Amino acid sequence: MPQFYAQLEGLASYLDTSSYGEALKQVWPQVVKQTIDYGIMEGAQDVAVLPVDIGWTDVGSWGSLVDLLPADAQGNRWVGPHLGIDTHNTLVFGGSRLVATIGVEDMVIVDTADALLVCPATASKK
């Protein structure tokens, strides 16, 4: 991944300037998308692997976050203020404002400062 390293090094000179955003917009589309296991580990010499259970999970979708959060008696999981009435098996991920749900089942609701996502839980795993 030397090319990726060089691209990041090129961006470093812009870190404390107002042009960092523009530089990142120019460089990021050119970055080759490559996983660490392929980009680093496949070419590594003398690598050892030890089995260990550290409780780590790869959260790749909103649906997979469900496995990490505790559920209430109705199977709901949430981050941030939530009021659920007749709500079941629903993930609510919010910020500082209250997210209220009524009659909702098997949904994912993500409320951020600039966007709101509401979708069936099955769609969030794609």
Protein backbone atom coordinates (compact mmCIF):
# COMPACT_ATOMS: atom_id res chain seq x y z
CA MET A 1 0.00 0.00 0.00
CA PRO A 2 2.86 2.42 -0.69
CA GLN A 3 0.72 4.45 -3.11
CA PHE A 4 -1.94 4.96 -0.42
CA TYR A 5 0.73 6.02 2.06
CA ALA A 6 2.13 8.54 -0.43
CA GLN A 7 -1.35 9.96 -1.03
CA LEU A 8 -1.91 10.40 2.71
CA GLU A 9 1.51 11.98 3.13
CA GLY A 10 0.63 14.44 0.36
CA LEU A 11 -2.48 15.45 2.28
CA ALA A 12 -0.57 16.01 5.52
CA SER A 13 0.76 19.37 4.35
CA TYR A 14 -2.84 20.63 4.06
CA LEU A 15 -4.03 19.50 7.52
CA ASP A 16 -3.98 22.89 9.23
CA THR A 17 -5.14 24.89 6.23
CA SER A 18 -8.50 25.83 4.80
CA SER A 19 -7.61 23.94 1.59
CA TYR A 20 -7.60 20.52 3.28
CA GLY A 21 -11.18 19.78 2.21
CA GLU A 22 -10.41 20.60 -1.41
CA ALA A 23 -7.21 18.53 -1.36
CA LEU A 24 -9.09 15.58 0.11
CA LYS A 25 -11.79 15.88 -2.57
CA GLN A 26 -9.10 15.64 -5.26
CA VAL A 27 -7.13 12.78 -3.72
CA TRP A 28 -9.85 10.50 -2.29
CA PRO A 29 -11.42 9.48 -5.64
CA GLN A 30 -7.96 8.35 -6.80
CA VAL A 31 -7.29 6.16 -3.76
CA VAL A 32 -7.30 2.47 -4.65
CA LYS A 33 -9.85 0.74 -2.42
CA GLN A 34 -8.05 -2.18 -0.82
CA THR A 35 -8.56 -4.06 2.44
CA ILE A 36 -5.77 -4.26 4.99
CA ASP A 37 -5.73 -8.05 4.92
CA TYR A 38 -5.06 -8.01 1.16
CA GLY A 39 -2.96 -4.84 0.98
CA ILE A 40 -0.66 -5.63 3.90
CA MET A 41 -1.03 -9.16 5.22
CA GLU A 42 -0.85 -11.08 1.93
CA GLY A 43 2.61 -9.70 1.27
CA ALA A 44 3.86 -9.91 4.86
CA GLN A 45 6.64 -12.30 5.81
CA ASP A 46 6.93 -14.21 9.09
CA VAL A 47 3.37 -13.57 10.26
CA ALA A 48 1.93 -15.44 13.24
CA VAL A 49 -1.73 -15.75 14.12
CA LEU A 50 -2.99 -16.42 17.63
CA PRO A 51 -6.60 -17.35 18.35
CA VAL A 52 -8.20 -14.95 20.81
CA ASP A 53 -11.72 -13.98 21.79
CA ILE A 54 -11.68 -10.23 22.38
CA GLY A 55 -15.36 -9.60 21.76
CA TRP A 56 -14.66 -7.70 18.55
CA THR A 57 -17.23 -7.55 15.78
CA ASP A 58 -17.24 -6.02 12.33
CA VAL A 59 -20.18 -3.64 12.32
CA GLY A 60 -20.87 -3.42 8.61
CA SER A 61 -24.51 -2.34 8.62
CA TRP A 62 -27.13 -0.78 10.85
CA GLY A 63 -28.70 -4.21 11.18
CA SER A 64 -25.50 -5.70 12.57
CA LEU A 65 -25.45 -3.06 15.33
CA VAL A 66 -28.49 -4.84 16.79
CA ASP A 67 -26.22 -7.63 18.06
CA LEU A 68 -24.20 -5.16 20.12
CA LEU A 69 -26.93 -3.24 21.94
CA PRO A 70 -29.06 -4.55 24.80
CA ALA A 71 -32.75 -5.04 24.04
CA ASP A 72 -35.78 -4.14 26.10
CA ALA A 73 -38.65 -6.60 26.69
CA GLN A 74 -40.08 -5.79 23.23
CA GLY A 75 -36.76 -6.38 21.44
CA ASN A 76 -36.08 -2.68 20.84
CA ARG A 77 -32.57 -1.27 20.93
CA TRP A 78 -31.68 2.41 20.92
CA VAL A 79 -29.00 5.02 21.32
CA GLY A 80 -30.23 8.46 22.38
CA PRO A 81 -33.63 9.47 23.71
CA HIS A 82 -36.40 7.11 22.53
CA LEU A 83 -40.05 6.71 23.47
CA GLY A 84 -41.59 3.58 21.98
CA ILE A 85 -45.29 2.79 22.17
CA ASP A 86 -46.38 -0.52 20.66
CA THR A 87 -42.91 -0.74 19.09
CA HIS A 88 -41.17 -4.09 18.59
CA ASN A 89 -37.78 -5.33 17.32
CA THR A 90 -36.73 -1.86 16.21
CA LEU A 91 -33.33 -0.14 16.24
CA VAL A 92 -33.40 3.60 16.93
CA PHE A 93 -30.07 5.40 16.62
CA GLY A 94 -30.45 9.05 17.49
CA GLY A 95 -28.64 12.03 18.85
CA SER A 96 -29.91 14.58 21.33
CA ARG A 97 -33.53 14.95 20.23
CA LEU A 98 -36.26 12.49 21.17
CA VAL A 99 -37.26 9.87 18.61
CA ALA A 100 -40.82 8.63 19.27
CA THR A 101 -42.24 5.54 17.60
CA ILE A 102 -45.80 4.23 17.65
CA GLY A 103 -46.87 0.93 16.12
CA VAL A 104 -43.49 0.24 14.55
CA GLU A 105 -42.06 -3.26 14.08
CA ASP A 106 -38.81 -4.60 12.60
CA MET A 107 -37.49 -1.18 11.56
CA VAL A 108 -34.23 0.74 11.63
CA ILE A 109 -34.43 4.45 12.36
CA VAL A 110 -31.28 6.58 12.25
CA ASP A 111 -31.62 10.26 13.10
CA THR A 112 -28.60 12.51 12.53
CA ALA A 113 -28.19 16.27 12.33
CA ASP A 114 -28.52 16.30 8.54
CA ALA A 115 -30.48 13.18 7.59
CA LEU A 116 -33.15 10.75 8.73
CA LEU A 117 -33.17 7.09 7.68
CA VAL A 118 -36.26 4.92 8.17
CA CYS A 119 -36.23 1.44 6.64
CA PRO A 120 -37.26 -2.14 7.30
CA ALA A 121 -34.62 -4.03 9.30
CA THR A 122 -34.19 -6.47 6.39
CA ALA A 123 -33.14 -3.62 4.08
CA SER A 124 -30.46 -2.40 6.49
CA LYS A 125 -28.48 -5.64 6.16
CA LYS A 126 -27.82 -5.21 2.44
